[in-house]
Amino acid sequence: MKKKVLFLLLIIVSILFVGCEQETPKLTTPTISVNQTIVSWTEVENAKGYVVVINGVEYEEIKTSYDFSDLAIEDLVIKVKAVSASDKFLDSDFSEELNYDFKEVLTAPTISINNNIVSWTEVENAEGYLVKLNDTEVSIT
């Protein structure tokens, strides 16, 4: 009888011990924002660095921002996660994805006036021109 009680007590203690085991917590997920060609995010406590993913390619960063101006020639999808500095924390989840919509800046036309006629050089990829003279604006397509 003592052996059965001892055996049952051993099983209960084992179950309690396994049940009390705590999961390793994750780092806080960074919140990201984009200003022109700089993505930045909130600093995450206990992070040794960050992984920035742009269109599926990973870039490692130790600061809380990343300049992607070399990549800003097309639309981009960006997300960031914090990388743990110790085994006491797991890496964070990835942030919400941010979309960067590429917009090409057109060159300014060269303007000339000859015999009261205004003309300008054609600008590649322009769909039209806005001509302003004093307070009057005219759209030309």
C-alpha atoms as a PDB file:
ATOM      1  CA  MET A   1       0.000   0.000   0.000  1.00  0.00           C
ATOM      2  CA  LYS A   2       2.840   2.380   0.875  1.00  0.00           C
ATOM      3  CA  LYS A   3       4.431   1.673  -2.488  1.00  0.00           C
ATOM      4  CA  LYS A   4       1.181   2.514  -4.314  1.00  0.00           C
ATOM      5  CA  VAL A   5       0.740   5.774  -2.408  1.00  0.00           C
ATOM      6  CA  LEU A   6       4.380   6.679  -2.952  1.00  0.00           C
ATOM      7  CA  PHE A   7       4.080   5.829  -6.635  1.00  0.00           C
ATOM      8  CA  LEU A   8       0.878   7.895  -6.959  1.00  0.00           C
ATOM      9  CA  LEU A   9       2.510  10.801  -5.109  1.00  0.00           C
ATOM     10  CA  LEU A  10       5.517  10.601  -7.439  1.00  0.00           C
ATOM     11  CA  ILE A  11       3.237  10.782 -10.497  1.00  0.00           C
ATOM     12  CA  ILE A  12       1.341  13.798  -9.094  1.00  0.00           C
ATOM     13  CA  VAL A  13       4.568  15.663  -8.289  1.00  0.00           C
ATOM     14  CA  SER A  14       5.917  14.900 -11.764  1.00  0.00           C
ATOM     15  CA  ILE A  15       2.746  16.233 -13.408  1.00  0.00           C
ATOM     16  CA  LEU A  16       2.839  19.374 -11.279  1.00  0.00           C
ATOM     17  CA  PHE A  17       6.512  19.918 -12.059  1.00  0.00           C
ATOM     18  CA  VAL A  18       5.937  19.613 -15.806  1.00  0.00           C
ATOM     19  CA  GLY A  19       2.810  21.773 -15.600  1.00  0.00           C
ATOM     20  CA  CYS A  20       4.673  24.547 -13.760  1.00  0.00           C
ATOM     21  CA  GLU A  21       7.312  24.853 -16.435  1.00  0.00           C
ATOM     22  CA  GLN A  22       7.051  28.361 -17.912  1.00  0.00           C
ATOM     23  CA  GLU A  23       7.286  29.152 -21.593  1.00  0.00           C
ATOM     24  CA  THR A  24      10.053  31.468 -22.725  1.00  0.00           C
ATOM     25  CA  PRO A  25       8.459  34.894 -23.393  1.00  0.00           C
ATOM     26  CA  LYS A  26       8.790  36.646 -26.748  1.00  0.00           C
ATOM     27  CA  LEU A  27      10.195  40.116 -27.149  1.00  0.00           C
ATOM     28  CA  THR A  28       7.698  42.885 -27.839  1.00  0.00           C
ATOM     29  CA  THR A  29       6.867  43.285 -31.535  1.00  0.00           C
ATOM     30  CA  PRO A  30       8.279  46.543 -32.940  1.00  0.00           C
ATOM     31  CA  THR A  31       5.931  49.182 -34.321  1.00  0.00           C
ATOM     32  CA  ILE A  32       7.257  50.520 -37.644  1.00  0.00           C
ATOM     33  CA  SER A  33       6.787  53.654 -39.735  1.00  0.00           C
ATOM     34  CA  VAL A  34       8.256  55.015 -42.974  1.00  0.00           C
ATOM     35  CA  ASN A  35       9.369  58.577 -43.662  1.00  0.00           C
ATOM     36  CA  GLN A  36      10.554  59.021 -47.248  1.00  0.00           C
ATOM     37  CA  THR A  37      13.170  56.233 -47.619  1.00  0.00           C
ATOM     38  CA  ILE A  38      13.827  55.586 -43.907  1.00  0.00           C
ATOM     39  CA  VAL A  39      11.978  52.855 -42.044  1.00  0.00           C
ATOM     40  CA  SER A  40      12.116  53.242 -38.261  1.00  0.00           C
ATOM     41  CA  TRP A  41      10.650  51.327 -35.342  1.00  0.00           C
ATOM     42  CA  THR A  42      10.219  51.379 -31.603  1.00  0.00           C
ATOM     43  CA  GLU A  43      13.179  50.197 -29.557  1.00  0.00           C
ATOM     44  CA  VAL A  44      12.552  46.792 -27.977  1.00  0.00           C
ATOM     45  CA  GLU A  45      13.911  46.043 -24.509  1.00  0.00           C
ATOM     46  CA  ASN A  46      16.305  43.039 -24.373  1.00  0.00           C
ATOM     47  CA  ALA A  47      16.905  43.105 -28.142  1.00  0.00           C
ATOM     48  CA  LYS A  48      20.446  42.913 -29.466  1.00  0.00           C
ATOM     49  CA  GLY A  49      19.371  43.897 -32.955  1.00  0.00           C
ATOM     50  CA  TYR A  50      16.654  43.729 -35.563  1.00  0.00           C
ATOM     51  CA  VAL A  51      15.891  41.932 -38.800  1.00  0.00           C
ATOM     52  CA  VAL A  52      14.436  44.155 -41.517  1.00  0.00           C
ATOM     53  CA  VAL A  53      12.744  42.272 -44.354  1.00  0.00           C
ATOM     54  CA  ILE A  54      12.228  44.192 -47.596  1.00  0.00           C
ATOM     55  CA  ASN A  55      10.507  42.320 -50.425  1.00  0.00           C
ATOM     56  CA  GLY A  56      11.547  39.032 -48.828  1.00  0.00           C
ATOM     57  CA  VAL A  57      15.261  39.910 -48.386  1.00  0.00           C
ATOM     58  CA  GLU A  58      16.597  40.092 -44.801  1.00  0.00           C
ATOM     59  CA  TYR A  59      18.891  42.879 -43.575  1.00  0.00           C
ATOM     60  CA  GLU A  60      20.402  42.929 -40.076  1.00  0.00           C
ATOM     61  CA  GLU A  61      20.426  46.207 -38.152  1.00  0.00           C
ATOM     62  CA  ILE A  62      21.445  47.223 -34.624  1.00  0.00           C
ATOM     63  CA  LYS A  63      19.884  50.704 -34.748  1.00  0.00           C
ATOM     64  CA  THR A  64      16.152  51.446 -34.784  1.00  0.00           C
ATOM     65  CA  SER A  65      16.077  52.645 -38.382  1.00  0.00           C
ATOM     66  CA  TYR A  66      17.155  51.534 -41.831  1.00  0.00           C
ATOM     67  CA  ASP A  67      17.767  53.644 -44.936  1.00  0.00           C
ATOM     68  CA  PHE A  68      16.410  51.798 -47.969  1.00  0.00           C
ATOM     69  CA  SER A  69      17.051  54.568 -50.519  1.00  0.00           C
ATOM     70  CA  ASP A  70      19.137  52.192 -52.689  1.00  0.00           C
ATOM     71  CA  LEU A  71      16.100  49.906 -52.944  1.00  0.00           C
ATOM     72  CA  ALA A  72      13.472  52.623 -53.487  1.00  0.00           C
ATOM     73  CA  ILE A  73      13.164  52.072 -57.232  1.00  0.00           C
ATOM     74  CA  GLU A  74      10.032  49.930 -56.987  1.00  0.00           C
ATOM     75  CA  ASP A  75       7.120  49.285 -54.634  1.00  0.00           C
ATOM     76  CA  LEU A  76       8.319  47.613 -51.429  1.00  0.00           C
ATOM     77  CA  VAL A  77       6.843  45.554 -48.586  1.00  0.00           C
ATOM     78  CA  ILE A  78       8.681  46.073 -45.286  1.00  0.00           C
ATOM     79  CA  LYS A  79       8.499  44.341 -41.898  1.00  0.00           C
ATOM     80  CA  VAL A  80      10.782  44.194 -38.829  1.00  0.00           C
ATOM     81  CA  LYS A  81      11.367  41.846 -35.894  1.00  0.00           C
ATOM     82  CA  ALA A  82      13.504  42.185 -32.757  1.00  0.00           C
ATOM     83  CA  VAL A  83      16.288  39.659 -32.128  1.00  0.00           C
ATOM     84  CA  SER A  84      16.761  38.532 -28.530  1.00  0.00           C
ATOM     85  CA  ALA A  85      19.971  39.346 -26.669  1.00  0.00           C
ATOM     86  CA  SER A  86      19.695  36.244 -24.441  1.00  0.00           C
ATOM     87  CA  ASP A  87      18.088  32.845 -24.125  1.00  0.00           C
ATOM     88  CA  LYS A  88      15.629  34.291 -21.597  1.00  0.00           C
ATOM     89  CA  PHE A  89      13.532  35.678 -24.479  1.00  0.00           C
ATOM     90  CA  LEU A  90      12.504  34.494 -27.912  1.00  0.00           C
ATOM     91  CA  ASP A  91      12.740  36.790 -30.930  1.00  0.00           C
ATOM     92  CA  SER A  92       9.642  38.928 -31.410  1.00  0.00           C
ATOM     93  CA  ASP A  93       6.995  38.314 -34.005  1.00  0.00           C
ATOM     94  CA  PHE A  94       7.337  40.345 -37.200  1.00  0.00           C
ATOM     95  CA  SER A  95       5.688  43.742 -37.237  1.00  0.00           C
ATOM     96  CA  GLU A  96       2.729  44.510 -39.424  1.00  0.00           C
ATOM     97  CA  GLU A  97       3.839  44.886 -43.041  1.00  0.00           C
ATOM     98  CA  LEU A  98       4.172  48.400 -44.414  1.00  0.00           C
ATOM     99  CA  ASN A  99       3.864  49.135 -48.110  1.00  0.00           C
ATOM    100  CA  TYR A 100       6.169  51.700 -49.697  1.00  0.00           C
ATOM    101  CA  ASP A 101       4.677  52.976 -52.948  1.00  0.00           C
ATOM    102  CA  PHE A 102       7.413  54.068 -55.315  1.00  0.00           C
ATOM    103  CA  LYS A 103       6.814  57.396 -57.003  1.00  0.00           C
ATOM    104  CA  GLU A 104       9.294  58.605 -59.565  1.00  0.00           C
ATOM    105  CA  VAL A 105      10.177  62.291 -59.316  1.00  0.00           C
ATOM    106  CA  LEU A 106      10.178  63.798 -62.779  1.00  0.00           C
ATOM    107  CA  THR A 107      12.809  66.274 -63.861  1.00  0.00           C
ATOM    108  CA  ALA A 108      11.754  69.898 -64.280  1.00  0.00           C
ATOM    109  CA  PRO A 109      11.337  71.111 -67.864  1.00  0.00           C
ATOM    110  CA  THR A 110      13.539  73.875 -69.252  1.00  0.00           C
ATOM    111  CA  ILE A 111      11.353  76.906 -70.017  1.00  0.00           C
ATOM    112  CA  SER A 112      11.943  79.483 -72.753  1.00  0.00           C
ATOM    113  CA  ILE A 113       9.999  82.514 -74.003  1.00  0.00           C
ATOM    114  CA  ASN A 114      10.285  83.671 -77.604  1.00  0.00           C
ATOM    115  CA  ASN A 115       8.006  86.357 -79.123  1.00  0.00           C
ATOM    116  CA  ASN A 116       5.630  86.093 -76.139  1.00  0.00           C
ATOM    117  CA  ILE A 117       5.282  82.327 -76.618  1.00  0.00           C
ATOM    118  CA  VAL A 118       6.192  80.080 -73.702  1.00  0.00           C
ATOM    119  CA  SER A 119       7.669  76.697 -74.541  1.00  0.00           C
ATOM    120  CA  TRP A 120       9.450  73.976 -72.586  1.00  0.00           C
ATOM    121  CA  THR A 121      11.422  70.813 -73.090  1.00  0.00           C
ATOM    122  CA  GLU A 122       9.537  67.544 -73.024  1.00  0.00           C
ATOM    123  CA  VAL A 123       9.894  65.594 -69.779  1.00  0.00           C
ATOM    124  CA  GLU A 124      10.117  61.803 -70.026  1.00  0.00           C
ATOM    125  CA  ASN A 125       7.115  60.007 -68.442  1.00  0.00           C
ATOM    126  CA  ALA A 126       5.131  63.257 -68.042  1.00  0.00           C
ATOM    127  CA  GLU A 127       1.412  62.900 -68.766  1.00  0.00           C
ATOM    128  CA  GLY A 128       0.817  66.641 -68.846  1.00  0.00           C
ATOM    129  CA  TYR A 129       2.069  70.008 -67.687  1.00  0.00           C
ATOM    130  CA  LEU A 130       0.696  72.661 -65.369  1.00  0.00           C
ATOM    131  CA  VAL A 131       1.539  76.151 -66.623  1.00  0.00           C
ATOM    132  CA  LYS A 132       1.177  79.013 -64.168  1.00  0.00           C
ATOM    133  CA  LEU A 133       1.372  82.672 -65.179  1.00  0.00           C
ATOM    134  CA  ASN A 134       0.824  85.127 -62.319  1.00  0.00           C
ATOM    135  CA  ASP A 135      -2.383  83.831 -60.659  1.00  0.00           C
ATOM    136  CA  THR A 136      -3.617  81.806 -63.652  1.00  0.00           C
ATOM    137  CA  GLU A 137      -2.995  78.069 -64.015  1.00  0.00           C
ATOM    138  CA  VAL A 138      -3.585  76.063 -67.196  1.00  0.00           C
ATOM    139  CA  SER A 139      -3.358  72.288 -67.434  1.00  0.00           C
ATOM    140  CA  ILE A 140      -1.956  71.022 -70.744  1.00  0.00           C
ATOM    141  CA  THR A 141      -2.035  67.366 -71.676  1.00  0.00           C
END
